[in-house]
Amino acid sequence: MQISAPAVSARLRRHSGAMARFGAVGVGNVVTEFAVFAALLHAGLPVLAANTCGFLSANAQSYVVNAHVTFRKDGAAATLSWPGYRRFFLAHCLSLAMSTAFILAFAGAIGPFAAKAAAALFGFIANYAMSALFVFRERGPRDAAS
């Protein structure tokens, strides 16, 4: 199945505003993640524990803020739920694993910072796509239970 250039252009236009909002929310999430990480390190928590807490804090914040800002439905915030957060969390963990694999695969060839930058761009696109398609998409009655 081939998608025409006008169809791709229309999809990009439809999602461009949401992607911009998703990126802006992401900046706030990075600030939260680093602030929690730094505070917990300062409090004496081990590095991996502080990193995990920072990731979890930013991830929960991201779910709530993206529901209210990025993926609004008819002027109202998208519905928040535990199953929805589970999908959001798993999508972001999958993206984290894929971007880590990307860095491991290409850091030797293009350098670690270029690989990290490319992985961050890939992660942004993957996180947005997974959020739009699997987390915040409108669900029919049959899908609502999942």
Protein backbone atom coordinates (compact mmCIF):
# COMPACT_ATOMS: atom_id res chain seq x y z
CA MET A 1 0.00 0.00 0.00
CA GLN A 2 1.48 3.30 -1.09
CA ILE A 3 0.54 6.55 0.61
CA SER A 4 0.40 9.62 -1.60
CA ALA A 5 2.47 12.72 -0.88
CA PRO A 6 -0.67 14.87 -0.29
CA ALA A 7 -1.94 12.30 2.25
CA VAL A 8 1.39 12.35 4.10
CA SER A 9 1.40 16.16 4.02
CA ALA A 10 -2.14 16.29 5.43
CA ARG A 11 -1.22 13.91 8.27
CA LEU A 12 1.86 15.95 9.12
CA ARG A 13 -0.18 19.16 9.21
CA ARG A 14 -2.81 17.48 11.40
CA HIS A 15 -0.17 16.31 13.89
CA SER A 16 2.30 19.22 13.74
CA GLY A 17 0.65 21.24 16.52
CA ALA A 18 0.32 18.22 18.79
CA MET A 19 3.95 17.26 18.12
CA ALA A 20 5.06 20.79 19.06
CA ARG A 21 3.05 20.61 22.29
CA PHE A 22 4.44 17.12 22.97
CA GLY A 23 7.97 18.53 22.57
CA ALA A 24 7.27 21.45 24.89
CA VAL A 25 5.87 19.08 27.52
CA GLY A 26 8.99 16.95 27.03
CA VAL A 27 11.23 19.89 27.96
CA GLY A 28 9.35 20.23 31.25
CA ASN A 29 9.69 16.49 31.82
CA VAL A 30 13.45 16.65 31.36
CA VAL A 31 13.65 19.47 33.92
CA THR A 32 11.58 17.41 36.38
CA GLU A 33 13.65 14.28 35.79
CA PHE A 34 16.94 16.08 36.39
CA ALA A 35 15.59 17.98 39.43
CA VAL A 36 14.34 14.79 41.11
CA PHE A 37 17.58 13.00 40.20
CA ALA A 38 19.73 15.80 41.65
CA ALA A 39 17.63 16.17 44.81
CA LEU A 40 17.71 12.44 45.54
CA LEU A 41 21.44 12.23 44.87
CA HIS A 42 21.94 15.14 47.25
CA ALA A 43 19.79 13.29 49.82
CA GLY A 44 22.15 10.31 49.58
CA LEU A 45 20.24 7.88 47.35
CA PRO A 46 22.38 5.67 45.10
CA VAL A 47 22.72 6.85 41.48
CA LEU A 48 20.57 4.11 39.92
CA ALA A 49 17.79 4.58 42.48
CA ALA A 50 17.84 8.35 41.95
CA ASN A 51 17.79 7.86 38.17
CA THR A 52 14.84 5.44 38.39
CA CYS A 53 12.88 7.82 40.62
CA GLY A 54 13.63 10.72 38.28
CA PHE A 55 12.43 8.72 35.26
CA LEU A 56 9.25 7.56 37.05
CA SER A 57 8.45 11.10 38.25
CA ALA A 58 8.91 12.60 34.81
CA ASN A 59 6.97 9.77 33.17
CA ALA A 60 3.95 10.22 35.46
CA GLN A 61 4.09 14.00 34.94
CA SER A 62 4.33 13.48 31.19
CA TYR A 63 1.23 11.29 31.11
CA VAL A 64 -0.89 13.79 33.03
CA VAL A 65 0.36 16.92 31.26
CA ASN A 66 0.15 15.36 27.79
CA ALA A 67 -3.44 14.32 28.53
CA HIS A 68 -4.28 17.93 29.46
CA VAL A 69 -2.20 19.73 26.82
CA THR A 70 -1.23 17.58 23.86
CA PHE A 71 -4.03 15.06 23.37
CA ARG A 72 -7.14 17.07 24.29
CA LYS A 73 -10.46 15.79 22.96
CA ASP A 74 -13.10 18.37 22.01
CA GLY A 75 -11.56 20.98 24.31
CA ALA A 76 -11.34 18.65 27.32
CA ALA A 77 -8.40 16.75 28.71
CA ALA A 78 -7.99 13.19 27.50
CA THR A 79 -9.22 10.59 29.97
CA LEU A 80 -6.66 9.46 32.53
CA SER A 81 -6.72 5.85 33.70
CA TRP A 82 -4.43 3.19 35.13
CA PRO A 83 -4.66 1.11 31.93
CA GLY A 84 -3.84 4.25 29.94
CA TYR A 85 -0.86 5.02 32.15
CA ARG A 86 0.31 1.41 31.85
CA ARG A 87 0.28 1.72 28.04
CA PHE A 88 2.07 5.09 28.27
CA PHE A 89 4.72 3.73 30.63
CA LEU A 90 5.33 0.60 28.53
CA ALA A 91 5.53 2.65 25.32
CA HIS A 92 8.15 4.92 26.86
CA CYS A 93 10.11 1.97 28.26
CA LEU A 94 10.10 0.41 24.79
CA SER A 95 11.29 3.69 23.31
CA LEU A 96 14.03 3.90 25.95
CA ALA A 97 15.19 0.38 25.09
CA MET A 98 15.19 1.14 21.36
CA SER A 99 17.10 4.40 21.76
CA THR A 100 19.64 2.70 24.04
CA ALA A 101 20.14 0.00 21.40
CA PHE A 102 20.56 2.72 18.76
CA ILE A 103 23.24 4.42 20.84
CA LEU A 104 25.06 1.14 21.42
CA ALA A 105 24.92 0.31 17.71
CA PHE A 106 26.09 3.68 16.35
CA ALA A 107 28.18 5.39 19.04
CA GLY A 108 31.35 3.75 17.74
CA ALA A 109 30.70 4.90 14.17
CA ILE A 110 29.39 8.44 14.67
CA GLY A 111 30.42 9.22 18.25
CA PRO A 112 28.41 9.00 21.46
CA PHE A 113 26.98 12.53 21.36
CA ALA A 114 25.81 12.28 17.75
CA ALA A 115 24.34 8.86 18.49
CA LYS A 116 22.58 10.24 21.60
CA ALA A 117 21.20 13.19 19.60
CA ALA A 118 19.92 10.89 16.84
CA ALA A 119 18.45 8.54 19.44
CA ALA A 120 16.70 11.47 21.16
CA LEU A 121 15.14 12.53 17.86
CA PHE A 122 14.09 8.94 17.15
CA GLY A 123 12.75 8.64 20.72
CA PHE A 124 10.71 11.82 20.36
CA ILE A 125 9.09 10.56 17.15
CA ALA A 126 8.54 7.05 18.56
CA ASN A 127 7.10 8.36 21.86
CA TYR A 128 4.73 10.71 20.06
CA ALA A 129 3.59 8.00 17.64
CA MET A 130 3.03 5.45 20.42
CA SER A 131 1.21 8.02 22.56
CA ALA A 132 -1.02 9.13 19.69
CA LEU A 133 -1.74 5.63 18.38
CA PHE A 134 -1.88 3.47 21.52
CA VAL A 135 -2.30 5.63 24.61
CA PHE A 136 -4.50 8.63 23.87
CA ARG A 137 -6.32 7.45 20.73
CA GLU A 138 -10.09 7.33 20.95
CA ARG A 139 -11.20 3.84 21.82
CA GLY A 140 -14.36 2.11 20.78
CA PRO A 141 -16.53 0.26 23.34
CA ARG A 142 -14.63 -2.99 22.70
CA ASP A 143 -11.23 -1.31 23.27
CA ALA A 144 -12.23 0.61 26.40
CA ALA A 145 -11.62 -2.35 28.72
CA SER A 146 -7.98 -2.79 27.66
